[in-house]
Protein backbone atom coordinates (compact mmCIF):
# COMPACT_ATOMS: atom_id res chain seq x y z
CA MET A 1 60.42 34.08 165.37
CA THR A 2 56.92 33.47 164.04
CA LEU A 3 55.82 37.00 164.80
CA SER A 4 58.79 38.51 162.96
CA PHE A 5 57.59 36.89 159.73
CA PHE A 6 54.37 38.86 159.94
CA ASP A 7 55.97 42.17 160.89
CA GLN A 8 56.41 42.96 157.19
CA PHE A 9 52.64 43.22 156.82
CA MET A 10 52.26 45.90 159.52
CA SER A 11 51.57 49.37 158.18
CA PRO A 12 54.69 51.43 158.98
CA VAL A 13 54.31 54.77 160.76
CA PHE A 14 56.90 57.56 160.78
CA LEU A 15 56.44 60.56 163.11
CA GLY A 16 52.79 59.64 163.46
CA VAL A 17 52.23 59.63 159.68
CA PRO A 18 51.15 56.29 158.15
CA LEU A 19 53.52 55.56 155.29
CA ILE A 20 50.82 53.63 153.47
CA ALA A 21 49.55 57.02 152.26
CA ILE A 22 52.90 57.66 150.56
CA ALA A 23 52.85 54.18 149.05
CA LEU A 24 49.41 54.81 147.57
CA ILE A 25 50.64 58.01 145.92
CA LEU A 26 53.72 56.34 144.43
CA PRO A 27 52.00 54.81 141.33
CA CYS A 28 50.96 58.29 140.21
CA ILE A 29 54.62 59.35 140.28
CA ILE A 30 56.44 56.43 138.67
CA PHE A 31 54.31 56.11 135.53
CA PRO A 32 55.48 58.36 132.68
CA THR A 33 53.04 60.93 131.36
CA PRO A 34 52.31 60.68 127.61
CA THR A 35 53.26 63.74 125.60
CA THR A 36 51.61 65.43 122.62
CA ARG A 37 54.48 64.48 120.30
CA TRP A 38 53.98 62.12 117.42
CA LEU A 39 56.96 60.02 118.52
CA ASN A 40 57.46 59.18 122.19
CA ASN A 41 60.24 57.27 123.91
CA ARG A 42 60.21 53.50 124.15
CA LEU A 43 58.88 53.37 127.70
CA ILE A 44 55.77 55.37 126.83
CA ALA A 45 55.32 53.33 123.65
CA VAL A 46 55.43 50.05 125.60
CA GLN A 47 53.06 51.47 128.22
CA GLY A 48 50.60 52.54 125.52
CA TRP A 49 50.80 49.15 123.79
CA PHE A 50 50.19 47.32 127.10
CA ILE A 51 47.17 49.49 127.94
CA ASN A 52 45.66 49.10 124.46
CA GLN A 53 46.08 45.32 124.45
CA SER A 54 44.71 44.89 127.98
CA THR A 55 41.74 47.15 127.27
CA SER A 56 40.82 45.31 124.08
CA GLN A 57 40.99 41.93 125.86
CA LEU A 58 39.02 43.02 128.91
CA PHE A 59 36.20 44.87 127.17
CA LEU A 60 35.78 42.65 124.11
CA PRO A 61 32.71 40.79 125.55
CA LEU A 62 31.02 44.00 126.75
CA ASN A 63 28.53 46.02 124.76
CA PRO A 64 29.39 49.68 124.04
CA GLY A 65 27.53 50.80 127.17
CA GLY A 66 30.18 49.19 129.37
CA HIS A 67 33.15 50.71 127.55
CA LYS A 68 32.84 53.88 129.60
CA TRP A 69 34.39 51.90 132.48
CA ALA A 70 37.59 51.29 130.51
CA LEU A 71 39.51 54.23 131.94
CA MET A 72 38.62 53.36 135.54
CA PHE A 73 39.40 49.66 135.22
CA MET A 74 42.71 50.16 133.41
CA SER A 75 43.77 52.79 135.94
CA LEU A 76 42.87 50.36 138.73
CA MET A 77 44.87 47.54 137.13
CA LEU A 78 47.99 49.70 136.72
CA PHE A 79 47.52 50.96 140.27
CA LEU A 80 47.34 47.41 141.69
CA ILE A 81 50.31 46.21 139.62
CA SER A 82 52.40 49.09 140.94
CA LEU A 83 51.45 48.42 144.57
CA ASN A 84 52.06 44.68 144.19
CA MET A 85 55.47 45.24 142.62
CA LEU A 86 56.37 47.74 145.33
CA GLY A 87 56.42 45.02 147.97
CA LEU A 88 59.06 43.03 146.09
CA LEU A 89 61.67 45.74 146.64
CA PRO A 90 63.85 45.52 149.77
CA TYR A 91 62.73 47.46 152.86
CA THR A 92 59.35 48.33 151.37
CA PHE A 93 55.75 47.76 152.34
CA THR A 94 53.01 46.18 150.23
CA PRO A 95 49.71 48.02 150.77
CA THR A 96 47.71 45.33 148.96
CA THR A 97 48.48 42.81 151.71
CA GLN A 98 46.04 44.80 153.86
CA LEU A 99 42.53 43.35 153.63
CA SER A 100 41.01 46.72 154.55
CA LEU A 101 42.53 48.39 151.48
CA ASN A 102 41.46 45.59 149.14
CA MET A 103 37.94 45.57 150.52
CA GLY A 104 37.86 49.35 150.18
CA LEU A 105 38.51 48.88 146.47
CA ALA A 106 36.32 45.81 145.92
CA VAL A 107 33.11 46.75 147.74
CA PRO A 108 32.39 50.16 146.14
CA LEU A 109 33.17 48.96 142.61
CA TRP A 110 31.10 45.78 143.01
CA LEU A 111 28.27 47.81 144.51
CA ALA A 112 28.42 50.24 141.59
CA THR A 113 27.92 47.39 139.10
CA VAL A 114 24.96 46.11 141.13
CA ILE A 115 23.34 49.57 141.29
CA ILE A 116 23.76 50.00 137.53
CA GLY A 117 22.13 46.62 136.95
CA MET A 118 19.22 47.40 139.28
CA ARG A 119 18.69 50.75 137.57
CA ASN A 120 18.94 49.61 133.95
CA GLN A 121 17.60 46.05 134.01
CA PRO A 122 16.21 45.11 137.44
CA THR A 123 14.37 42.02 136.18
CA ILE A 124 17.48 40.44 134.66
CA THR A 125 19.62 41.38 137.67
CA LEU A 126 17.20 39.80 140.14
CA GLY A 127 16.73 36.86 137.78
CA HIS A 128 20.34 35.81 138.47
CA LEU A 129 19.21 34.80 141.97
CA LEU A 130 16.98 32.04 140.57
CA PRO A 131 18.18 29.85 137.68
CA GLU A 132 15.63 29.10 134.98
CA GLY A 133 13.84 25.76 135.27
CA THR A 134 14.33 25.37 139.02
CA PRO A 135 11.87 22.94 140.69
CA THR A 136 9.31 24.65 142.89
CA LEU A 137 10.45 22.94 146.09
CA LEU A 138 14.03 24.14 145.60
CA ILE A 139 13.18 27.78 144.87
CA PRO A 140 13.50 29.09 148.50
CA VAL A 141 16.75 27.20 149.09
CA LEU A 142 18.33 28.31 145.81
CA ILE A 143 17.35 31.92 146.38
CA VAL A 144 19.12 31.89 149.75
CA ILE A 145 22.21 30.17 148.29
CA GLU A 146 22.43 32.49 145.30
CA THR A 147 21.95 35.54 147.50
CA ILE A 148 24.81 34.47 149.77
CA SER A 149 27.07 33.76 146.80
CA PHE A 150 26.08 37.13 145.33
CA LEU A 151 26.89 39.06 148.50
CA ILE A 152 30.17 37.22 149.06
CA ARG A 153 31.64 38.40 145.75
CA PRO A 154 33.38 41.54 147.09
CA LEU A 155 34.76 39.54 150.02
CA ALA A 156 36.17 36.98 147.59
CA LEU A 157 37.78 39.77 145.56
CA GLY A 158 39.53 41.28 148.56
CA VAL A 159 40.52 38.01 150.24
CA ARG A 160 41.89 36.51 147.00
CA LEU A 161 44.24 39.43 146.41
CA THR A 162 45.31 39.61 150.06
CA ALA A 163 45.88 35.87 150.47
CA ASN A 164 47.91 35.40 147.30
CA LEU A 165 50.25 38.29 148.00
CA THR A 166 50.61 37.43 151.68
CA ALA A 167 51.42 33.79 150.93
CA GLY A 168 54.01 34.76 148.34
CA HIS A 169 55.78 37.23 150.62
CA LEU A 170 55.80 34.76 153.51
CA LEU A 171 57.26 32.03 151.31
CA ILE A 172 59.99 34.36 150.03
CA GLN A 173 60.91 35.36 153.58
CA LEU A 174 60.97 31.74 154.78
CA ILE A 175 63.23 30.60 151.95
CA ALA A 176 65.50 33.64 152.35
CA THR A 177 65.83 32.91 156.07
CA ALA A 178 66.62 29.25 155.33
CA ALA A 179 69.32 30.23 152.83
CA PHE A 180 70.88 32.65 155.33
CA VAL A 181 70.91 30.05 158.13
CA LEU A 182 72.26 27.25 155.90
CA LEU A 183 75.07 29.32 154.38
CA PRO A 184 77.70 28.69 157.12
CA LEU A 185 76.54 25.10 157.70
CA MET A 186 75.91 23.73 154.19
CA PRO A 187 77.02 26.17 151.49
CA THR A 188 75.93 23.95 148.61
CA VAL A 189 72.40 23.58 149.95
CA ALA A 190 72.35 27.31 150.67
CA LEU A 191 73.25 28.09 147.04
CA LEU A 192 70.50 25.79 145.80
CA THR A 193 68.08 27.49 148.17
CA ALA A 194 69.19 30.89 146.87
CA ALA A 195 68.57 29.72 143.30
CA LEU A 196 65.11 28.58 144.36
CA LEU A 197 64.56 31.98 145.97
CA PHE A 198 65.46 33.72 142.70
CA LEU A 199 62.97 31.58 140.76
CA LEU A 200 60.32 32.18 143.40
CA THR A 201 60.89 35.93 143.13
CA LEU A 202 60.31 35.76 139.37
CA LEU A 203 57.15 33.78 140.04
CA GLU A 204 56.01 36.39 142.54
CA VAL A 205 56.49 39.12 139.93
CA ALA A 206 54.17 37.18 137.63
CA VAL A 207 51.69 36.62 140.47
CA SER A 208 51.66 40.35 141.23
CA MET A 209 50.65 41.13 137.66
CA ILE A 210 48.21 38.22 137.34
CA GLN A 211 46.39 39.04 140.58
CA ALA A 212 45.87 42.65 139.51
CA TYR A 213 44.54 41.41 136.16
CA VAL A 214 42.23 38.85 137.82
CA PHE A 215 40.88 41.51 140.21
CA VAL A 216 39.90 43.76 137.31
CA LEU A 217 38.72 40.83 135.17
CA LEU A 218 36.25 39.68 137.83
CA LEU A 219 34.93 43.22 138.22
CA ASN A 220 34.53 43.29 134.45
CA LEU A 221 32.53 40.03 134.55
CA TYR A 222 30.27 41.45 137.26
CA LEU A 223 29.76 44.52 135.10
CA GLN A 224 28.98 42.32 132.11
CA GLU A 225 26.09 40.73 134.01
CA ASN A 226 24.53 44.11 134.77
CA VAL A 227 25.08 46.13 131.60
């Protein structure tokens, strides 16, 4: 019974083809393409408003040199939101519950911000490893601690996204199983459990959007330190 709860996180394979590849292509298909018309439909208008608002909030603290990352970060956020929402549909698979995928997104982008910082301002970038005013005796210890915390950033990015989505999906499946088992025994309790499941699903929709935003926001903060 315990293993069946975790079967939903296994990457499905059909005729030897991993279906995670199809899931990764799906966000490119479902989002509408803006047209050259002056007036678009409501869906494209809402999409454009959401992108403009999110971009202005994310890149407000950055200097103009970091604004060139806007297209990449906004595309990444919409991509993650789509993949997170995908797992809330019945009989689907959530690719972002795979730590390998999240680390594949986190490590290269974090490393790119570090390389930019080392190329443009190496003194300031290395200065983050040693806070100003540190006593002489604590300098070796603090350098080791700051280096570990610096290198653990991409791991924290990937694990945070994986853990939050995995916990939410497991909780939904546990409550859904409890409601199904209690229905013939205690219908009233089963209905209350189903109502709780509905509220939890709404919460998971919010978590899917928030986690994608937090992922991009942390990358934006790392970029802010190095630009």
